[in-house]
Amino acid sequence: MKKLPVEVRLIGRKNKYYQIEFPNVAVPVEVNEELYKKMLESPVFKFIASNGRASIGKRHKTIKSRKQKRLYSS
């Protein structure tokens, strides 16, 4: 049986899609915003930073301010 949760890393955002790095997958997986939000809330996925620490969680469900939108729309 596989180890849960699966540790994934948000690489960035390209157009309307979020690029996510999965273990043992050579290319980033692109998901739309709806699926990305479901992944954030799911116990199956754990978003980590480059240093191995948890980086994103339920606290990042919505982007409210314009400044935050600019940070995520690169």
PDB file of N, CA and C in Angstrom:
ATOM      1  N   MET A   1       0.836  -1.181   0.000  1.00  0.00           N
ATOM      2  CA  MET A   1       0.000   0.000   0.000  1.00  0.00           C
ATOM      3  C   MET A   1       0.882   1.245   0.000  1.00  0.00           C
ATOM      4  N   LYS A   2       0.437   2.262  -0.689  1.00  0.00           N
ATOM      5  CA  LYS A   2       1.193   3.506  -0.809  1.00  0.00           C
ATOM      6  C   LYS A   2       1.127   4.327   0.466  1.00  0.00           C
ATOM      7  N   LYS A   3       2.173   5.108   0.683  1.00  0.00           N
ATOM      8  CA  LYS A   3       2.248   5.986   1.843  1.00  0.00           C
ATOM      9  C   LYS A   3       1.330   7.197   1.636  1.00  0.00           C
ATOM     10  N   LEU A   4       0.462   7.466   2.592  1.00  0.00           N
ATOM     11  CA  LEU A   4      -0.418   8.631   2.517  1.00  0.00           C
ATOM     12  C   LEU A   4      -0.073   9.588   3.625  1.00  0.00           C
ATOM     13  N   PRO A   5      -0.189  10.846   3.487  1.00  0.00           N
ATOM     14  CA  PRO A   5      -0.573  11.551   2.265  1.00  0.00           C
ATOM     15  C   PRO A   5       0.591  11.635   1.279  1.00  0.00           C
ATOM     16  N   VAL A   6       0.244  11.837   0.005  1.00  0.00           N
ATOM     17  CA  VAL A   6       1.246  11.986  -1.043  1.00  0.00           C
ATOM     18  C   VAL A   6       1.798  13.404  -0.954  1.00  0.00           C
ATOM     19  N   GLU A   7       3.125  13.527  -0.875  1.00  0.00           N
ATOM     20  CA  GLU A   7       3.747  14.842  -0.781  1.00  0.00           C
ATOM     21  C   GLU A   7       3.937  15.412  -2.178  1.00  0.00           C
ATOM     22  N   VAL A   8       3.265  16.537  -2.444  1.00  0.00           N
ATOM     23  CA  VAL A   8       3.346  17.211  -3.732  1.00  0.00           C
ATOM     24  C   VAL A   8       3.838  18.636  -3.508  1.00  0.00           C
ATOM     25  N   ARG A   9       4.296  19.273  -4.589  1.00  0.00           N
ATOM     26  CA  ARG A   9       4.816  20.630  -4.476  1.00  0.00           C
ATOM     27  C   ARG A   9       4.224  21.506  -5.567  1.00  0.00           C
ATOM     28  N   LEU A  10       3.719  22.672  -5.190  1.00  0.00           N
ATOM     29  CA  LEU A  10       3.214  23.643  -6.145  1.00  0.00           C
ATOM     30  C   LEU A  10       4.404  24.331  -6.787  1.00  0.00           C
ATOM     31  N   ILE A  11       4.522  24.195  -8.100  1.00  0.00           N
ATOM     32  CA  ILE A  11       5.618  24.819  -8.828  1.00  0.00           C
ATOM     33  C   ILE A  11       5.254  26.257  -9.180  1.00  0.00           C
ATOM     34  N   GLY A  12       4.029  26.440  -9.639  1.00  0.00           N
ATOM     35  CA  GLY A  12       3.595  27.780 -10.038  1.00  0.00           C
ATOM     36  C   GLY A  12       2.281  27.709 -10.772  1.00  0.00           C
ATOM     37  N   ARG A  13       1.990  28.806 -11.426  1.00  0.00           N
ATOM     38  CA  ARG A  13       0.729  28.897 -12.154  1.00  0.00           C
ATOM     39  C   ARG A  13       1.041  29.339 -13.574  1.00  0.00           C
ATOM     40  N   LYS A  14       0.436  28.673 -14.542  1.00  0.00           N
ATOM     41  CA  LYS A  14       0.628  28.995 -15.950  1.00  0.00           C
ATOM     42  C   LYS A  14      -0.744  29.136 -16.576  1.00  0.00           C
ATOM     43  N   ASN A  15      -1.049  30.355 -17.025  1.00  0.00           N
ATOM     44  CA  ASN A  15      -2.371  30.695 -17.542  1.00  0.00           C
ATOM     45  C   ASN A  15      -3.427  30.401 -16.474  1.00  0.00           C
ATOM     46  N   LYS A  16      -4.357  29.515 -16.748  1.00  0.00           N
ATOM     47  CA  LYS A  16      -5.417  29.213 -15.780  1.00  0.00           C
ATOM     48  C   LYS A  16      -5.151  27.923 -15.010  1.00  0.00           C
ATOM     49  N   TYR A  17      -3.960  27.378 -15.131  1.00  0.00           N
ATOM     50  CA  TYR A  17      -3.669  26.083 -14.522  1.00  0.00           C
ATOM     51  C   TYR A  17      -2.549  26.174 -13.487  1.00  0.00           C
ATOM     52  N   TYR A  18      -2.654  25.353 -12.460  1.00  0.00           N
ATOM     53  CA  TYR A  18      -1.632  25.240 -11.433  1.00  0.00           C
ATOM     54  C   TYR A  18      -0.735  24.073 -11.803  1.00  0.00           C
ATOM     55  N   GLN A  19       0.572  24.275 -11.732  1.00  0.00           N
ATOM     56  CA  GLN A  19       1.528  23.218 -12.035  1.00  0.00           C
ATOM     57  C   GLN A  19       1.981  22.593 -10.727  1.00  0.00           C
ATOM     58  N   ILE A  20       1.786  21.281 -10.621  1.00  0.00           N
ATOM     59  CA  ILE A  20       2.079  20.560  -9.389  1.00  0.00           C
ATOM     60  C   ILE A  20       3.068  19.443  -9.683  1.00  0.00           C
ATOM     61  N   GLU A  21       4.088  19.342  -8.837  1.00  0.00           N
ATOM     62  CA  GLU A  21       5.102  18.301  -8.974  1.00  0.00           C
ATOM     63  C   GLU A  21       4.726  17.128  -8.074  1.00  0.00           C
ATOM     64  N   PHE A  22       4.592  15.954  -8.679  1.00  0.00           N
ATOM     65  CA  PHE A  22       4.300  14.725  -7.956  1.00  0.00           C
ATOM     66  C   PHE A  22       5.571  13.887  -7.865  1.00  0.00           C
ATOM     67  N   PRO A  23       5.689  13.069  -6.822  1.00  0.00           N
ATOM     68  CA  PRO A  23       6.855  12.181  -6.748  1.00  0.00           C
ATOM     69  C   PRO A  23       6.792  11.144  -7.874  1.00  0.00           C
ATOM     70  N   ASN A  24       7.939  10.822  -8.406  1.00  0.00           N
ATOM     71  CA  ASN A  24       8.073   9.802  -9.465  1.00  0.00           C
ATOM     72  C   ASN A  24       7.364  10.155 -10.774  1.00  0.00           C
ATOM     73  N   VAL A  25       7.092  11.447 -11.007  1.00  0.00           N
ATOM     74  CA  VAL A  25       6.530  11.902 -12.280  1.00  0.00           C
ATOM     75  C   VAL A  25       7.495  12.943 -12.835  1.00  0.00           C
ATOM     76  N   ALA A  26       7.957  12.723 -14.071  1.00  0.00           N
ATOM     77  CA  ALA A  26       9.009  13.562 -14.639  1.00  0.00           C
ATOM     78  C   ALA A  26       8.539  14.965 -15.013  1.00  0.00           C
ATOM     79  N   VAL A  27       7.289  15.120 -15.402  1.00  0.00           N
ATOM     80  CA  VAL A  27       6.778  16.424 -15.829  1.00  0.00           C
ATOM     81  C   VAL A  27       5.741  16.930 -14.831  1.00  0.00           C
ATOM     82  N   PRO A  28       5.606  18.252 -14.678  1.00  0.00           N
ATOM     83  CA  PRO A  28       4.588  18.782 -13.765  1.00  0.00           C
ATOM     84  C   PRO A  28       3.180  18.481 -14.279  1.00  0.00           C
ATOM     85  N   VAL A  29       2.284  18.250 -13.370  1.00  0.00           N
ATOM     86  CA  VAL A  29       0.890  17.995 -13.708  1.00  0.00           C
ATOM     87  C   VAL A  29       0.143  19.318 -13.599  1.00  0.00           C
ATOM     88  N   GLU A  30      -0.647  19.646 -14.628  1.00  0.00           N
ATOM     89  CA  GLU A  30      -1.419  20.885 -14.621  1.00  0.00           C
ATOM     90  C   GLU A  30      -2.861  20.587 -14.251  1.00  0.00           C
ATOM     91  N   VAL A  31      -3.371  21.329 -13.257  1.00  0.00           N
ATOM     92  CA  VAL A  31      -4.759  21.156 -12.821  1.00  0.00           C
ATOM     93  C   VAL A  31      -5.443  22.511 -12.809  1.00  0.00           C
ATOM     94  N   ASN A  32      -6.774  22.493 -12.990  1.00  0.00           N
ATOM     95  CA  ASN A  32      -7.509  23.752 -12.952  1.00  0.00           C
ATOM     96  C   ASN A  32      -7.732  24.182 -11.501  1.00  0.00           C
ATOM     97  N   GLU A  33      -8.276  25.385 -11.324  1.00  0.00           N
ATOM     98  CA  GLU A  33      -8.421  25.954  -9.985  1.00  0.00           C
ATOM     99  C   GLU A  33      -9.357  25.126  -9.105  1.00  0.00           C
ATOM    100  N   GLU A  34     -10.425  24.604  -9.676  1.00  0.00           N
ATOM    101  CA  GLU A  34     -11.377  23.801  -8.895  1.00  0.00           C
ATOM    102  C   GLU A  34     -10.707  22.552  -8.322  1.00  0.00           C
ATOM    103  N   LEU A  35      -9.963  21.850  -9.155  1.00  0.00           N
ATOM    104  CA  LEU A  35      -9.286  20.638  -8.694  1.00  0.00           C
ATOM    105  C   LEU A  35      -8.174  20.982  -7.701  1.00  0.00           C
ATOM    106  N   TYR A  36      -7.477  22.088  -7.939  1.00  0.00           N
ATOM    107  CA  TYR A  36      -6.423  22.522  -7.019  1.00  0.00           C
ATOM    108  C   TYR A  36      -6.995  22.781  -5.627  1.00  0.00           C
ATOM    109  N   LYS A  37      -8.128  23.459  -5.537  1.00  0.00           N
ATOM    110  CA  LYS A  37      -8.757  23.729  -4.237  1.00  0.00           C
ATOM    111  C   LYS A  37      -9.178  22.440  -3.546  1.00  0.00           C
ATOM    112  N   LYS A  38      -9.673  21.478  -4.314  1.00  0.00           N
ATOM    113  CA  LYS A  38     -10.049  20.182  -3.732  1.00  0.00           C
ATOM    114  C   LYS A  38      -8.821  19.450  -3.200  1.00  0.00           C
ATOM    115  N   MET A  39      -7.723  19.570  -3.915  1.00  0.00           N
ATOM    116  CA  MET A  39      -6.483  18.927  -3.470  1.00  0.00           C
ATOM    117  C   MET A  39      -5.983  19.538  -2.162  1.00  0.00           C
ATOM    118  N   LEU A  40      -6.128  20.864  -2.013  1.00  0.00           N
ATOM    119  CA  LEU A  40      -5.699  21.529  -0.789  1.00  0.00           C
ATOM    120  C   LEU A  40      -6.458  21.015   0.429  1.00  0.00           C
ATOM    121  N   GLU A  41      -7.737  20.722   0.246  1.00  0.00           N
ATOM    122  CA  GLU A  41      -8.583  20.276   1.353  1.00  0.00           C
ATOM    123  C   GLU A  41      -8.528  18.776   1.583  1.00  0.00           C
ATOM    124  N   SER A  42      -8.010  18.047   0.618  1.00  0.00           N
ATOM    125  CA  SER A  42      -7.992  16.590   0.689  1.00  0.00           C
ATOM    126  C   SER A  42      -6.905  16.084   1.643  1.00  0.00           C
ATOM    127  N   PRO A  43      -7.216  15.065   2.430  1.00  0.00           N
ATOM    128  CA  PRO A  43      -6.197  14.461   3.303  1.00  0.00           C
ATOM    129  C   PRO A  43      -5.212  13.583   2.523  1.00  0.00           C
ATOM    130  N   VAL A  44      -5.483  13.337   1.248  1.00  0.00           N
ATOM    131  CA  VAL A  44      -4.637  12.481   0.425  1.00  0.00           C
ATOM    132  C   VAL A  44      -3.359  13.203  -0.010  1.00  0.00           C
ATOM    133  N   PHE A  45      -3.421  14.545  -0.139  1.00  0.00           N
ATOM    134  CA  PHE A  45      -2.285  15.319  -0.620  1.00  0.00           C
ATOM    135  C   PHE A  45      -1.738  16.213   0.480  1.00  0.00           C
ATOM    136  N   LYS A  46      -0.410  16.327   0.517  1.00  0.00           N
ATOM    137  CA  LYS A  46       0.254  17.238   1.456  1.00  0.00           C
ATOM    138  C   LYS A  46       1.199  18.105   0.629  1.00  0.00           C
ATOM    139  N   PHE A  47       0.914  19.396   0.585  1.00  0.00           N
ATOM    140  CA  PHE A  47       1.756  20.320  -0.166  1.00  0.00           C
ATOM    141  C   PHE A  47       2.973  20.672   0.673  1.00  0.00           C
ATOM    142  N   ILE A  48       4.151  20.521   0.079  1.00  0.00           N
ATOM    143  CA  ILE A  48       5.396  20.807   0.791  1.00  0.00           C
ATOM    144  C   ILE A  48       6.196  21.871   0.041  1.00  0.00           C
ATOM    145  N   ALA A  49       7.088  22.544   0.745  1.00  0.00           N
ATOM    146  CA  ALA A  49       8.005  23.510   0.144  1.00  0.00           C
ATOM    147  C   ALA A  49       9.247  22.772  -0.332  1.00  0.00           C
ATOM    148  N   SER A  50      10.126  23.473  -0.990  1.00  0.00           N
ATOM    149  CA  SER A  50      11.363  22.859  -1.498  1.00  0.00           C
ATOM    150  C   SER A  50      12.213  22.264  -0.386  1.00  0.00           C
ATOM    151  N   ASN A  51      12.121  22.842   0.820  1.00  0.00           N
ATOM    152  CA  ASN A  51      12.926  22.359   1.938  1.00  0.00           C
ATOM    153  C   ASN A  51      12.273  21.192   2.679  1.00  0.00           C
ATOM    154  N   GLY A  52      11.124  20.704   2.200  1.00  0.00           N
ATOM    155  CA  GLY A  52      10.484  19.546   2.811  1.00  0.00           C
ATOM    156  C   GLY A  52       9.434  19.875   3.850  1.00  0.00           C
ATOM    157  N   ARG A  53       9.241  21.139   4.175  1.00  0.00           N
ATOM    158  CA  ARG A  53       8.224  21.528   5.152  1.00  0.00           C
ATOM    159  C   ARG A  53       6.885  21.746   4.473  1.00  0.00           C
ATOM    160  N   ALA A  54       5.819  21.602   5.234  1.00  0.00           N
ATOM    161  CA  ALA A  54       4.480  21.872   4.699  1.00  0.00           C
ATOM    162  C   ALA A  54       4.394  23.344   4.340  1.00  0.00           C
ATOM    163  N   SER A  55       3.919  23.645   3.121  1.00  0.00           N
ATOM    164  CA  SER A  55       3.910  25.029   2.677  1.00  0.00           C
ATOM    165  C   SER A  55       2.516  25.577   2.441  1.00  0.00           C
ATOM    166  N   ILE A  56       1.596  24.743   2.055  1.00  0.00           N
ATOM    167  CA  ILE A  56       0.267  25.218   1.705  1.00  0.00           C
ATOM    168  C   ILE A  56      -0.766  24.339   2.383  1.00  0.00           C
ATOM    169  N   GLY A  57      -1.783  24.947   2.915  1.00  0.00           N
ATOM    170  CA  GLY A  57      -2.835  24.184   3.573  1.00  0.00           C
ATOM    171  C   GLY A  57      -4.175  24.845   3.406  1.00  0.00           C
ATOM    172  N   LYS A  58      -5.085  24.493   4.257  1.00  0.00           N
ATOM    173  CA  LYS A  58      -6.442  25.008   4.156  1.00  0.00           C
ATOM    174  C   LYS A  58      -6.513  26.521   4.306  1.00  0.00           C
ATOM    175  N   ARG A  59      -5.513  27.116   4.943  1.00  0.00           N
ATOM    176  CA  ARG A  59      -5.544  28.560   5.133  1.00  0.00           C
ATOM    177  C   ARG A  59      -5.427  29.318   3.818  1.00  0.00           C
ATOM    178  N   HIS A  60      -5.056  28.637   2.746  1.00  0.00           N
ATOM    179  CA  HIS A  60      -4.884  29.281   1.451  1.00  0.00           C
ATOM    180  C   HIS A  60      -6.017  28.951   0.487  1.00  0.00           C
ATOM    181  N   LYS A  61      -7.194  28.714   0.990  1.00  0.00           N
ATOM    182  CA  LYS A  61      -8.309  28.323   0.119  1.00  0.00           C
ATOM    183  C   LYS A  61      -8.676  29.406  -0.890  1.00  0.00           C
ATOM    184  N   THR A  62      -8.712  30.659  -0.438  1.00  0.00           N
ATOM    185  CA  THR A  62      -9.116  31.740  -1.330  1.00  0.00           C
ATOM    186  C   THR A  62      -8.067  32.843  -1.318  1.00  0.00           C
ATOM    187  N   ILE A  63      -7.991  33.526  -2.432  1.00  0.00           N
ATOM    188  CA  ILE A  63      -7.088  34.660  -2.554  1.00  0.00           C
ATOM    189  C   ILE A  63      -7.970  35.904  -2.556  1.00  0.00           C
ATOM    190  N   LYS A  64      -7.838  36.729  -1.524  1.00  0.00           N
ATOM    191  CA  LYS A  64      -8.764  37.836  -1.365  1.00  0.00           C
ATOM    192  C   LYS A  64      -8.221  39.171  -1.850  1.00  0.00           C
ATOM    193  N   SER A  65      -6.999  39.490  -1.556  1.00  0.00           N
ATOM    194  CA  SER A  65      -6.505  40.817  -1.897  1.00  0.00           C
ATOM    195  C   SER A  65      -5.876  40.837  -3.282  1.00  0.00           C
ATOM    196  N   ARG A  66      -5.809  42.020  -3.877  1.00  0.00           N
ATOM    197  CA  ARG A  66      -5.185  42.157  -5.195  1.00  0.00           C
ATOM    198  C   ARG A  66      -3.708  41.827  -5.143  1.00  0.00           C
ATOM    199  N   LYS A  67      -3.057  42.191  -4.045  1.00  0.00           N
ATOM    200  CA  LYS A  67      -1.637  41.909  -3.902  1.00  0.00           C
ATOM    201  C   LYS A  67      -1.386  40.403  -3.941  1.00  0.00           C
ATOM    202  N   GLN A  68      -2.225  39.637  -3.252  1.00  0.00           N
ATOM    203  CA  GLN A  68      -2.061  38.182  -3.255  1.00  0.00           C
ATOM    204  C   GLN A  68      -2.343  37.620  -4.633  1.00  0.00           C
ATOM    205  N   LYS A  69      -3.325  38.174  -5.358  1.00  0.00           N
ATOM    206  CA  LYS A  69      -3.633  37.687  -6.692  1.00  0.00           C
ATOM    207  C   LYS A  69      -2.426  37.859  -7.602  1.00  0.00           C
ATOM    208  N   ARG A  70      -1.739  39.002  -7.495  1.00  0.00           N
ATOM    209  CA  ARG A  70      -0.556  39.239  -8.313  1.00  0.00           C
ATOM    210  C   ARG A  70       0.542  38.225  -8.010  1.00  0.00           C
ATOM    211  N   LEU A  71       0.674  37.848  -6.747  1.00  0.00           N
ATOM    212  CA  LEU A  71       1.701  36.881  -6.366  1.00  0.00           C
ATOM    213  C   LEU A  71       1.438  35.521  -6.997  1.00  0.00           C
ATOM    214  N   TYR A  72       0.178  35.131  -7.118  1.00  0.00           N
ATOM    215  CA  TYR A  72      -0.169  33.806  -7.624  1.00  0.00           C
ATOM    216  C   TYR A  72      -0.391  33.776  -9.134  1.00  0.00           C
ATOM    217  N   SER A  73      -0.443  34.924  -9.786  1.00  0.00           N
ATOM    218  CA  SER A  73      -0.762  34.935 -11.225  1.00  0.00           C
ATOM    219  C   SER A  73       0.467  35.043 -12.118  1.00  0.00           C
ATOM    220  N   SER A  74       1.619  34.735 -11.613  1.00  0.00           N
ATOM    221  CA  SER A  74       2.846  34.863 -12.408  1.00  0.00           C
ATOM    222  C   SER A  74       2.960  33.848 -13.497  1.00  0.00           C
TER     223      SER A  74
END
